[in-house]
Amino acid sequence: MQIRGVWLPVITPFINDEVDYVSYKRLIDYYIDKKIDGIIPLGTTGESPVIEEYEFEEILEKTMEYVGGRIPVIAGAGGNYTKKMIKRLKIIEKYGVCGILSVSPYYNRPDQRGIFEHFRCIAEATDLDIIVYNIPYRTGRNIENETIQKLAEIKNITGLKDSSGDIKQTMALLQDPPPGFSIMTGEDILFYTTLLLGGSGGIMASAHLQTEAFVDIYNKIQNNDHQGALAIWKPLSKTIPLLFEEPNPAPLKYCLHEMSLIDSPETRLPLMSITEKLENKLTAALGLPVTGIHAAGCLQVG
């Protein structure tokens, strides 16, 4: 599967330190109605580091139940111990997802040979499609373009979530893309630029808000309406940095709670709720009263 378009790395809602499946179903129905192209549970935006093992399987099961085949699902699944990752794949395969989004090994910081072998071994152990996730400011090690080109030769390594943070590296890859290989931006602020350079789309936390605008930008660029896309992108791009001013996904959860899409903005430690200062900034950016974001107002921009 070659993924394209606007994919949502969906949050995991919590209430009283339990996964809130009522809100989770509400989210999935809402975003499918907004015409996203696919959904990714259990990513970093889904607070995967603080998901219990039993919750991991529950969330996969509920995601597939709630989606009901309406859009494709790719599960977030990464790790820095290759053997353990392969064991986890056998769990994921039971739930009928299309593939996995898998981050480069973090903390132990392998060299390019180790990164390649990690993904090669994972690919050999499953028939699932694999989207490689390059995010060096979290993992401590960049996946170089030469390594990405080699990985793309493996049949079921079908794409990249590019959060390299290096526009030169991104541009070089987009100018010489592997055949049939999806290059999705994970740098939300580079969505428009990536599309213009021939990218496949984006896997973007900020698409939780103003979702139709992201979808419209993608569709307009596919139809060569670059100026129309730019007119939508300019105001949208001004709010994106605010959503990452404090640790993701706390700012998103604040807005989604105010939109009445989730019943609580709760995160799990070590993440904290956002500061009053950021609440005020989000309120001002969304054109809402200083007293706070109200449900009707947030829905006007989403």
C-alpha atoms as a PDB file:
ATOM      1  CA  MET A   1       0.000   0.000   0.000  1.00  0.00           C
ATOM      2  CA  GLN A   2       1.310   3.429  -0.952  1.00  0.00           C
ATOM      3  CA  ILE A   3      -0.141   5.872   1.558  1.00  0.00           C
ATOM      4  CA  ARG A   4      -1.097   9.349   0.417  1.00  0.00           C
ATOM      5  CA  GLY A   5      -3.060  12.342   1.638  1.00  0.00           C
ATOM      6  CA  VAL A   6      -3.835  13.461   5.180  1.00  0.00           C
ATOM      7  CA  TRP A   7      -3.255  10.838   7.863  1.00  0.00           C
ATOM      8  CA  LEU A   8      -4.097  11.446  11.505  1.00  0.00           C
ATOM      9  CA  PRO A   9      -1.874  10.168  14.343  1.00  0.00           C
ATOM     10  CA  VAL A  10      -4.850  10.151  16.679  1.00  0.00           C
ATOM     11  CA  ILE A  11      -4.640  11.068  20.353  1.00  0.00           C
ATOM     12  CA  THR A  12      -5.531   8.593  23.103  1.00  0.00           C
ATOM     13  CA  PRO A  13      -8.157  10.197  25.363  1.00  0.00           C
ATOM     14  CA  PHE A  14      -7.965   9.458  29.079  1.00  0.00           C
ATOM     15  CA  ILE A  15     -10.365  10.024  31.939  1.00  0.00           C
ATOM     16  CA  ASN A  16      -9.456   9.199  35.538  1.00  0.00           C
ATOM     17  CA  ASP A  17      -6.276   7.542  34.207  1.00  0.00           C
ATOM     18  CA  GLU A  18      -8.227   5.079  32.045  1.00  0.00           C
ATOM     19  CA  VAL A  19      -8.556   5.064  28.263  1.00  0.00           C
ATOM     20  CA  ASP A  20     -11.806   6.857  27.441  1.00  0.00           C
ATOM     21  CA  TYR A  21     -13.276   4.703  24.678  1.00  0.00           C
ATOM     22  CA  VAL A  22     -16.490   6.718  24.456  1.00  0.00           C
ATOM     23  CA  SER A  23     -14.479   9.788  23.462  1.00  0.00           C
ATOM     24  CA  TYR A  24     -12.209   7.680  21.275  1.00  0.00           C
ATOM     25  CA  LYS A  25     -15.137   6.432  19.180  1.00  0.00           C
ATOM     26  CA  ARG A  26     -16.431   9.990  18.916  1.00  0.00           C
ATOM     27  CA  LEU A  27     -13.051  11.113  17.595  1.00  0.00           C
ATOM     28  CA  ILE A  28     -12.816   8.354  15.011  1.00  0.00           C
ATOM     29  CA  ASP A  29     -16.301   9.019  13.655  1.00  0.00           C
ATOM     30  CA  TYR A  30     -15.630  12.761  13.565  1.00  0.00           C
ATOM     31  CA  TYR A  31     -12.376  12.499  11.609  1.00  0.00           C
ATOM     32  CA  ILE A  32     -13.671   9.933   9.162  1.00  0.00           C
ATOM     33  CA  ASP A  33     -16.475  12.387   8.395  1.00  0.00           C
ATOM     34  CA  LYS A  34     -13.780  15.016   7.767  1.00  0.00           C
ATOM     35  CA  LYS A  35     -12.417  12.825   4.934  1.00  0.00           C
ATOM     36  CA  ILE A  36      -8.997  11.980   6.321  1.00  0.00           C
ATOM     37  CA  ASP A  37      -7.219   9.292   4.319  1.00  0.00           C
ATOM     38  CA  GLY A  38      -6.112   7.115   7.207  1.00  0.00           C
ATOM     39  CA  ILE A  39      -5.631   6.917  10.939  1.00  0.00           C
ATOM     40  CA  ILE A  40      -2.673   5.924  13.108  1.00  0.00           C
ATOM     41  CA  PRO A  41      -3.318   4.921  16.720  1.00  0.00           C
ATOM     42  CA  LEU A  42      -0.554   4.404  19.273  1.00  0.00           C
ATOM     43  CA  GLY A  43       1.895   6.935  17.892  1.00  0.00           C
ATOM     44  CA  THR A  44       3.713   9.561  19.920  1.00  0.00           C
ATOM     45  CA  THR A  45       0.641  11.817  19.665  1.00  0.00           C
ATOM     46  CA  GLY A  46      -1.296   8.876  21.114  1.00  0.00           C
ATOM     47  CA  GLU A  47       1.108   8.939  24.102  1.00  0.00           C
ATOM     48  CA  SER A  48       2.436   5.492  23.242  1.00  0.00           C
ATOM     49  CA  PRO A  49       5.235   5.607  25.859  1.00  0.00           C
ATOM     50  CA  VAL A  50       2.630   5.595  28.651  1.00  0.00           C
ATOM     51  CA  ILE A  51       0.274   2.951  27.239  1.00  0.00           C
ATOM     52  CA  GLU A  52       0.134  -0.271  29.254  1.00  0.00           C
ATOM     53  CA  GLU A  53       0.639  -3.568  27.409  1.00  0.00           C
ATOM     54  CA  TYR A  54      -2.977  -4.643  27.895  1.00  0.00           C
ATOM     55  CA  GLU A  55      -4.148  -1.204  26.719  1.00  0.00           C
ATOM     56  CA  PHE A  56      -2.059  -1.522  23.563  1.00  0.00           C
ATOM     57  CA  GLU A  57      -4.123  -4.499  22.416  1.00  0.00           C
ATOM     58  CA  GLU A  58      -7.404  -2.998  23.620  1.00  0.00           C
ATOM     59  CA  ILE A  59      -6.771   0.180  21.632  1.00  0.00           C
ATOM     60  CA  LEU A  60      -5.947  -1.816  18.494  1.00  0.00           C
ATOM     61  CA  GLU A  61      -9.110  -3.880  18.887  1.00  0.00           C
ATOM     62  CA  LYS A  62     -11.323  -0.845  19.528  1.00  0.00           C
ATOM     63  CA  THR A  63      -9.762   1.117  16.687  1.00  0.00           C
ATOM     64  CA  MET A  64     -10.534  -1.592  14.170  1.00  0.00           C
ATOM     65  CA  GLU A  65     -14.066  -1.985  15.569  1.00  0.00           C
ATOM     66  CA  TYR A  66     -14.819   1.740  15.461  1.00  0.00           C
ATOM     67  CA  VAL A  67     -13.262   2.321  12.038  1.00  0.00           C
ATOM     68  CA  GLY A  68     -15.211  -0.588  10.633  1.00  0.00           C
ATOM     69  CA  GLY A  69     -13.213  -0.741   7.403  1.00  0.00           C
ATOM     70  CA  ARG A  70     -14.090   2.823   6.373  1.00  0.00           C
ATOM     71  CA  ILE A  71     -10.456   3.972   6.169  1.00  0.00           C
ATOM     72  CA  PRO A  72      -7.096   2.176   6.471  1.00  0.00           C
ATOM     73  CA  VAL A  73      -5.391   1.853   9.850  1.00  0.00           C
ATOM     74  CA  ILE A  74      -1.648   1.794  10.479  1.00  0.00           C
ATOM     75  CA  ALA A  75      -0.510   1.097  14.043  1.00  0.00           C
ATOM     76  CA  GLY A  76       2.308   2.933  15.761  1.00  0.00           C
ATOM     77  CA  ALA A  77       4.874   0.340  16.822  1.00  0.00           C
ATOM     78  CA  GLY A  78       8.494   1.190  17.470  1.00  0.00           C
ATOM     79  CA  GLY A  79      11.287   0.150  19.733  1.00  0.00           C
ATOM     80  CA  ASN A  80      15.020  -0.008  20.236  1.00  0.00           C
ATOM     81  CA  TYR A  81      15.316  -3.775  20.751  1.00  0.00           C
ATOM     82  CA  THR A  82      14.806  -5.524  17.423  1.00  0.00           C
ATOM     83  CA  LYS A  83      13.931  -8.934  18.871  1.00  0.00           C
ATOM     84  CA  LYS A  84      11.259  -7.429  21.115  1.00  0.00           C
ATOM     85  CA  MET A  85       9.836  -5.476  18.173  1.00  0.00           C
ATOM     86  CA  ILE A  86       9.446  -8.687  16.160  1.00  0.00           C
ATOM     87  CA  LYS A  87       7.512 -10.266  19.036  1.00  0.00           C
ATOM     88  CA  ARG A  88       5.200  -7.251  19.156  1.00  0.00           C
ATOM     89  CA  LEU A  89       4.526  -7.606  15.432  1.00  0.00           C
ATOM     90  CA  LYS A  90       2.913 -10.976  16.068  1.00  0.00           C
ATOM     91  CA  ILE A  91       0.443  -9.275  18.413  1.00  0.00           C
ATOM     92  CA  ILE A  92      -0.315  -6.484  15.942  1.00  0.00           C
ATOM     93  CA  GLU A  93      -0.890  -8.880  13.050  1.00  0.00           C
ATOM     94  CA  LYS A  94      -3.920 -10.369  14.852  1.00  0.00           C
ATOM     95  CA  TYR A  95      -5.933  -7.165  14.500  1.00  0.00           C
ATOM     96  CA  GLY A  96      -6.010  -6.682  10.735  1.00  0.00           C
ATOM     97  CA  VAL A  97      -4.197  -3.367  10.439  1.00  0.00           C
ATOM     98  CA  CYS A  98      -2.645  -2.431   7.090  1.00  0.00           C
ATOM     99  CA  GLY A  99       0.805  -1.820   8.474  1.00  0.00           C
ATOM    100  CA  ILE A 100       2.932  -0.183  11.140  1.00  0.00           C
ATOM    101  CA  LEU A 101       4.576   3.188  11.601  1.00  0.00           C
ATOM    102  CA  SER A 102       7.891   2.345  13.199  1.00  0.00           C
ATOM    103  CA  VAL A 103      10.342   4.825  14.644  1.00  0.00           C
ATOM    104  CA  SER A 104      14.083   4.449  14.229  1.00  0.00           C
ATOM    105  CA  PRO A 105      15.702   2.897  17.322  1.00  0.00           C
ATOM    106  CA  TYR A 106      16.121   5.517  20.019  1.00  0.00           C
ATOM    107  CA  TYR A 107      18.530   6.069  22.913  1.00  0.00           C
ATOM    108  CA  ASN A 108      21.008   3.318  21.971  1.00  0.00           C
ATOM    109  CA  ARG A 109      21.683   5.348  18.807  1.00  0.00           C
ATOM    110  CA  PRO A 110      22.769   2.708  16.256  1.00  0.00           C
ATOM    111  CA  ASP A 111      24.788   3.727  13.216  1.00  0.00           C
ATOM    112  CA  GLN A 112      23.328   3.544   9.699  1.00  0.00           C
ATOM    113  CA  ARG A 113      24.201  -0.156   9.428  1.00  0.00           C
ATOM    114  CA  GLY A 114      22.291  -0.915  12.641  1.00  0.00           C
ATOM    115  CA  ILE A 115      19.295   1.151  11.553  1.00  0.00           C
ATOM    116  CA  PHE A 116      19.156  -0.681   8.231  1.00  0.00           C
ATOM    117  CA  GLU A 117      19.459  -4.125   9.841  1.00  0.00           C
ATOM    118  CA  HIS A 118      16.789  -3.269  12.442  1.00  0.00           C
ATOM    119  CA  PHE A 119      14.225  -2.460   9.763  1.00  0.00           C
ATOM    120  CA  ARG A 120      15.344  -5.288   7.472  1.00  0.00           C
ATOM    121  CA  CYS A 121      14.788  -7.832  10.246  1.00  0.00           C
ATOM    122  CA  ILE A 122      11.379  -6.381  11.074  1.00  0.00           C
ATOM    123  CA  ALA A 123      10.377  -6.449   7.405  1.00  0.00           C
ATOM    124  CA  GLU A 124      11.436 -10.069   7.035  1.00  0.00           C
ATOM    125  CA  ALA A 125       9.368 -11.047  10.074  1.00  0.00           C
ATOM    126  CA  THR A 126       6.008  -9.744   8.786  1.00  0.00           C
ATOM    127  CA  ASP A 127       3.884  -9.229   5.696  1.00  0.00           C
ATOM    128  CA  LEU A 128       2.623  -5.914   7.081  1.00  0.00           C
ATOM    129  CA  ASP A 129       3.615  -2.735   5.305  1.00  0.00           C
ATOM    130  CA  ILE A 130       6.167  -0.678   7.206  1.00  0.00           C
ATOM    131  CA  ILE A 131       6.362   3.114   7.275  1.00  0.00           C
ATOM    132  CA  VAL A 132       9.766   4.166   8.609  1.00  0.00           C
ATOM    133  CA  TYR A 133       9.651   7.112  11.004  1.00  0.00           C
ATOM    134  CA  ASN A 134      12.691   9.385  11.023  1.00  0.00           C
ATOM    135  CA  ILE A 135      12.622  11.855  13.906  1.00  0.00           C
ATOM    136  CA  PRO A 136      16.209  12.425  15.049  1.00  0.00           C
ATOM    137  CA  TYR A 137      15.418  15.049  17.690  1.00  0.00           C
ATOM    138  CA  ARG A 138      13.605  12.281  19.603  1.00  0.00           C
ATOM    139  CA  THR A 139      15.772   9.290  18.691  1.00  0.00           C
ATOM    140  CA  GLY A 140      19.209  10.874  18.739  1.00  0.00           C
ATOM    141  CA  ARG A 141      20.117   9.504  15.307  1.00  0.00           C
ATOM    142  CA  ASN A 142      19.165  10.653  11.807  1.00  0.00           C
ATOM    143  CA  ILE A 143      18.283   8.141   9.084  1.00  0.00           C
ATOM    144  CA  GLU A 144      20.343   9.336   6.144  1.00  0.00           C
ATOM    145  CA  ASN A 145      18.864   9.440   2.656  1.00  0.00           C
ATOM    146  CA  GLU A 146      21.239   6.724   1.439  1.00  0.00           C
ATOM    147  CA  THR A 147      19.838   4.409   4.126  1.00  0.00           C
ATOM    148  CA  ILE A 148      16.268   5.338   3.206  1.00  0.00           C
ATOM    149  CA  GLN A 149      16.987   4.518  -0.449  1.00  0.00           C
ATOM    150  CA  LYS A 150      18.298   1.087   0.573  1.00  0.00           C
ATOM    151  CA  LEU A 151      15.337   0.425   2.867  1.00  0.00           C
ATOM    152  CA  ALA A 152      12.920   1.343   0.061  1.00  0.00           C
ATOM    153  CA  GLU A 153      14.255  -1.599  -1.950  1.00  0.00           C
ATOM    154  CA  ILE A 154      12.700  -3.965   0.606  1.00  0.00           C
ATOM    155  CA  LYS A 155       9.252  -4.953  -0.675  1.00  0.00           C
ATOM    156  CA  ASN A 156       7.136  -4.191   2.387  1.00  0.00           C
ATOM    157  CA  ILE A 157       8.967  -1.042   3.490  1.00  0.00           C
ATOM    158  CA  THR A 158       6.640   1.237   1.596  1.00  0.00           C
ATOM    159  CA  GLY A 159       7.075   4.735   2.978  1.00  0.00           C
ATOM    160  CA  LEU A 160       8.653   7.297   5.247  1.00  0.00           C
ATOM    161  CA  LYS A 161       7.326   9.699   7.834  1.00  0.00           C
ATOM    162  CA  ASP A 162       9.895  12.447   7.446  1.00  0.00           C
ATOM    163  CA  SER A 163      10.492  14.477  10.583  1.00  0.00           C
ATOM    164  CA  SER A 164      14.198  14.911   9.912  1.00  0.00           C
ATOM    165  CA  GLY A 165      14.007  18.633  10.655  1.00  0.00           C
ATOM    166  CA  ASP A 166      16.468  19.220   7.818  1.00  0.00           C
ATOM    167  CA  ILE A 167      14.803  20.818   4.794  1.00  0.00           C
ATOM    168  CA  LYS A 168      17.900  20.173   2.661  1.00  0.00           C
ATOM    169  CA  GLN A 169      17.702  16.459   3.383  1.00  0.00           C
ATOM    170  CA  THR A 170      13.964  16.456   2.689  1.00  0.00           C
ATOM    171  CA  MET A 171      14.386  18.314  -0.597  1.00  0.00           C
ATOM    172  CA  ALA A 172      17.171  15.994  -1.738  1.00  0.00           C
ATOM    173  CA  LEU A 173      15.012  12.929  -1.070  1.00  0.00           C
ATOM    174  CA  LEU A 174      11.988  14.427  -2.826  1.00  0.00           C
ATOM    175  CA  GLN A 175      14.126  15.239  -5.874  1.00  0.00           C
ATOM    176  CA  ASP A 176      15.237  11.595  -6.108  1.00  0.00           C
ATOM    177  CA  PRO A 177      12.414   9.550  -4.566  1.00  0.00           C
ATOM    178  CA  PRO A 178      12.483   5.745  -4.563  1.00  0.00           C
ATOM    179  CA  PRO A 179       9.931   4.381  -7.082  1.00  0.00           C
ATOM    180  CA  GLY A 180       6.519   3.688  -5.550  1.00  0.00           C
ATOM    181  CA  PHE A 181       7.668   4.883  -2.127  1.00  0.00           C
ATOM    182  CA  SER A 182       5.514   7.257  -0.054  1.00  0.00           C
ATOM    183  CA  ILE A 183       7.233  10.292   1.434  1.00  0.00           C
ATOM    184  CA  MET A 184       4.931  11.760   4.067  1.00  0.00           C
ATOM    185  CA  THR A 185       5.909  14.802   6.068  1.00  0.00           C
ATOM    186  CA  GLY A 186       5.794  14.552   9.831  1.00  0.00           C
ATOM    187  CA  GLU A 187       6.821  18.182  10.127  1.00  0.00           C
ATOM    188  CA  ASP A 188       3.377  19.747  10.062  1.00  0.00           C
ATOM    189  CA  ILE A 189       4.700  23.178   9.153  1.00  0.00           C
ATOM    190  CA  LEU A 190       6.270  21.712   5.975  1.00  0.00           C
ATOM    191  CA  PHE A 191       3.035  20.151   4.673  1.00  0.00           C
ATOM    192  CA  TYR A 192       2.448  22.664   1.867  1.00  0.00           C
ATOM    193  CA  THR A 193       6.129  22.755   0.869  1.00  0.00           C
ATOM    194  CA  THR A 194       6.413  18.968   0.841  1.00  0.00           C
ATOM    195  CA  LEU A 195       3.370  18.614  -1.386  1.00  0.00           C
ATOM    196  CA  LEU A 196       4.706  21.173  -3.869  1.00  0.00           C
ATOM    197  CA  LEU A 197       7.965  19.231  -4.071  1.00  0.00           C
ATOM    198  CA  GLY A 198       6.131  16.024  -4.895  1.00  0.00           C
ATOM    199  CA  GLY A 199       5.597  14.550  -1.452  1.00  0.00           C
ATOM    200  CA  SER A 200       2.796  12.064  -0.835  1.00  0.00           C
ATOM    201  CA  GLY A 201       1.062  13.897   2.015  1.00  0.00           C
ATOM    202  CA  GLY A 202       1.403  14.253   5.750  1.00  0.00           C
ATOM    203  CA  ILE A 203       1.058  12.387   9.034  1.00  0.00           C
ATOM    204  CA  MET A 204       0.266  15.395  11.185  1.00  0.00           C
ATOM    205  CA  ALA A 205      -0.899  15.879  14.753  1.00  0.00           C
ATOM    206  CA  SER A 206      -2.136  19.392  13.955  1.00  0.00           C
ATOM    207  CA  ALA A 207      -4.668  17.926  11.504  1.00  0.00           C
ATOM    208  CA  HIS A 208      -6.807  17.239  14.585  1.00  0.00           C
ATOM    209  CA  LEU A 209      -7.825  20.896  14.197  1.00  0.00           C
ATOM    210  CA  GLN A 210      -9.008  22.593  11.009  1.00  0.00           C
ATOM    211  CA  THR A 211      -9.026  19.154   9.426  1.00  0.00           C
ATOM    212  CA  GLU A 212     -10.983  20.188   6.351  1.00  0.00           C
ATOM    213  CA  ALA A 213      -8.335  22.812   5.589  1.00  0.00           C
ATOM    214  CA  PHE A 214      -5.562  20.189   5.487  1.00  0.00           C
ATOM    215  CA  VAL A 215      -7.666  17.932   3.285  1.00  0.00           C
ATOM    216  CA  ASP A 216      -8.594  20.845   1.006  1.00  0.00           C
ATOM    217  CA  ILE A 217      -4.944  21.887   0.614  1.00  0.00           C
ATOM    218  CA  TYR A 218      -3.989  18.360  -0.402  1.00  0.00           C
ATOM    219  CA  ASN A 219      -6.846  18.090  -2.904  1.00  0.00           C
ATOM    220  CA  LYS A 220      -6.157  21.497  -4.428  1.00  0.00           C
ATOM    221  CA  ILE A 221      -2.493  20.705  -4.986  1.00  0.00           C
ATOM    222  CA  GLN A 222      -3.404  17.380  -6.599  1.00  0.00           C
ATOM    223  CA  ASN A 223      -5.569  19.421  -8.977  1.00  0.00           C
ATOM    224  CA  ASN A 224      -2.743  21.922  -9.636  1.00  0.00           C
ATOM    225  CA  ASP A 225      -4.531  24.736  -7.808  1.00  0.00           C
ATOM    226  CA  HIS A 226      -1.409  25.850  -5.960  1.00  0.00           C
ATOM    227  CA  GLN A 227      -2.587  29.385  -5.388  1.00  0.00           C
ATOM    228  CA  GLY A 228      -5.882  28.213  -3.950  1.00  0.00           C
ATOM    229  CA  ALA A 229      -3.994  25.879  -1.622  1.00  0.00           C
ATOM    230  CA  LEU A 230      -1.642  28.674  -0.576  1.00  0.00           C
ATOM    231  CA  ALA A 231      -4.560  30.940   0.354  1.00  0.00           C
ATOM    232  CA  ILE A 232      -5.766  28.269   2.803  1.00  0.00           C
ATOM    233  CA  TRP A 233      -2.282  27.400   4.018  1.00  0.00           C
ATOM    234  CA  LYS A 234      -1.148  30.891   5.029  1.00  0.00           C
ATOM    235  CA  PRO A 235      -3.575  31.410   7.945  1.00  0.00           C
ATOM    236  CA  LEU A 236      -3.447  27.722   8.878  1.00  0.00           C
ATOM    237  CA  SER A 237       0.345  27.743   9.162  1.00  0.00           C
ATOM    238  CA  LYS A 238       0.241  30.511  11.780  1.00  0.00           C
ATOM    239  CA  THR A 239      -1.579  28.343  14.331  1.00  0.00           C
ATOM    240  CA  ILE A 240       0.489  25.175  13.874  1.00  0.00           C
ATOM    241  CA  PRO A 241       3.510  26.300  15.963  1.00  0.00           C
ATOM    242  CA  LEU A 242       1.241  27.013  18.942  1.00  0.00           C
ATOM    243  CA  LEU A 243       0.226  23.363  19.069  1.00  0.00           C
ATOM    244  CA  PHE A 244       3.855  22.407  19.697  1.00  0.00           C
ATOM    245  CA  GLU A 245       4.808  25.275  21.990  1.00  0.00           C
ATOM    246  CA  GLU A 246       4.274  22.881  24.911  1.00  0.00           C
ATOM    247  CA  PRO A 247       4.628  19.094  24.727  1.00  0.00           C
ATOM    248  CA  ASN A 248       2.337  17.370  22.216  1.00  0.00           C
ATOM    249  CA  PRO A 249      -0.485  16.297  22.606  1.00  0.00           C
ATOM    250  CA  ALA A 250      -1.442  18.441  25.607  1.00  0.00           C
ATOM    251  CA  PRO A 251      -2.324  21.535  23.517  1.00  0.00           C
ATOM    252  CA  LEU A 252      -4.426  19.388  21.171  1.00  0.00           C
ATOM    253  CA  LYS A 253      -6.216  17.744  24.064  1.00  0.00           C
ATOM    254  CA  TYR A 254      -7.058  21.152  25.492  1.00  0.00           C
ATOM    255  CA  CYS A 255      -8.688  22.220  22.220  1.00  0.00           C
ATOM    256  CA  LEU A 256     -10.429  18.904  21.626  1.00  0.00           C
ATOM    257  CA  HIS A 257     -11.905  19.061  25.111  1.00  0.00           C
ATOM    258  CA  GLU A 258     -13.178  22.566  24.466  1.00  0.00           C
ATOM    259  CA  MET A 259     -14.667  21.288  21.209  1.00  0.00           C
ATOM    260  CA  SER A 260     -16.531  18.649  23.253  1.00  0.00           C
ATOM    261  CA  LEU A 261     -14.847  15.920  21.212  1.00  0.00           C
ATOM    262  CA  ILE A 262     -13.217  14.397  24.287  1.00  0.00           C
ATOM    263  CA  ASP A 263     -14.551  14.422  27.835  1.00  0.00           C
ATOM    264  CA  SER A 264     -11.251  15.327  29.474  1.00  0.00           C
ATOM    265  CA  PRO A 265      -7.977  16.993  28.373  1.00  0.00           C
ATOM    266  CA  GLU A 266      -6.098  14.584  30.656  1.00  0.00           C
ATOM    267  CA  THR A 267      -2.568  13.435  29.818  1.00  0.00           C
ATOM    268  CA  ARG A 268      -0.418  10.914  31.654  1.00  0.00           C
ATOM    269  CA  LEU A 269       2.710  11.847  33.533  1.00  0.00           C
ATOM    270  CA  PRO A 270       5.329  12.949  32.762  1.00  0.00           C
ATOM    271  CA  LEU A 271       3.224  15.123  30.406  1.00  0.00           C
ATOM    272  CA  MET A 272       1.255  17.915  32.047  1.00  0.00           C
ATOM    273  CA  SER A 273      -1.764  19.980  31.053  1.00  0.00           C
ATOM    274  CA  ILE A 274      -0.948  23.191  29.238  1.00  0.00           C
ATOM    275  CA  THR A 275      -0.277  26.470  30.992  1.00  0.00           C
ATOM    276  CA  GLU A 276      -2.775  29.295  31.231  1.00  0.00           C
ATOM    277  CA  LYS A 277      -0.422  31.327  29.054  1.00  0.00           C
ATOM    278  CA  LEU A 278      -0.769  28.880  26.177  1.00  0.00           C
ATOM    279  CA  GLU A 279      -4.523  28.601  26.727  1.00  0.00           C
ATOM    280  CA  ASN A 280      -4.714  32.362  26.189  1.00  0.00           C
ATOM    281  CA  LYS A 281      -2.535  32.169  23.069  1.00  0.00           C
ATOM    282  CA  LEU A 282      -4.673  29.431  21.553  1.00  0.00           C
ATOM    283  CA  THR A 283      -7.792  31.418  22.380  1.00  0.00           C
ATOM    284  CA  ALA A 284      -6.440  34.515  20.660  1.00  0.00           C
ATOM    285  CA  ALA A 285      -5.141  32.589  17.631  1.00  0.00           C
ATOM    286  CA  LEU A 286      -8.526  30.952  17.121  1.00  0.00           C
ATOM    287  CA  GLY A 287     -10.338  34.275  17.453  1.00  0.00           C
ATOM    288  CA  LEU A 288     -12.221  33.327  20.604  1.00  0.00           C
ATOM    289  CA  PRO A 289     -12.972  35.214  23.836  1.00  0.00           C
ATOM    290  CA  VAL A 290     -10.068  35.641  26.252  1.00  0.00           C
ATOM    291  CA  THR A 291     -12.080  33.764  28.884  1.00  0.00           C
ATOM    292  CA  GLY A 292     -11.515  30.488  27.039  1.00  0.00           C
ATOM    293  CA  ILE A 293     -12.253  28.416  23.957  1.00  0.00           C
ATOM    294  CA  HIS A 294     -15.907  27.395  23.757  1.00  0.00           C
ATOM    295  CA  ALA A 295     -17.178  24.389  21.860  1.00  0.00           C
ATOM    296  CA  ALA A 296     -19.046  26.273  19.157  1.00  0.00           C
ATOM    297  CA  GLY A 297     -16.117  28.559  18.434  1.00  0.00           C
ATOM    298  CA  CYS A 298     -13.605  25.744  18.073  1.00  0.00           C
ATOM    299  CA  LEU A 299     -15.896  23.828  15.774  1.00  0.00           C
ATOM    300  CA  GLN A 300     -16.037  26.834  13.452  1.00  0.00           C
ATOM    301  CA  VAL A 301     -12.331  26.399  12.657  1.00  0.00           C
ATOM    302  CA  GLY A 302     -12.301  22.605  12.623  1.00  0.00           C
END
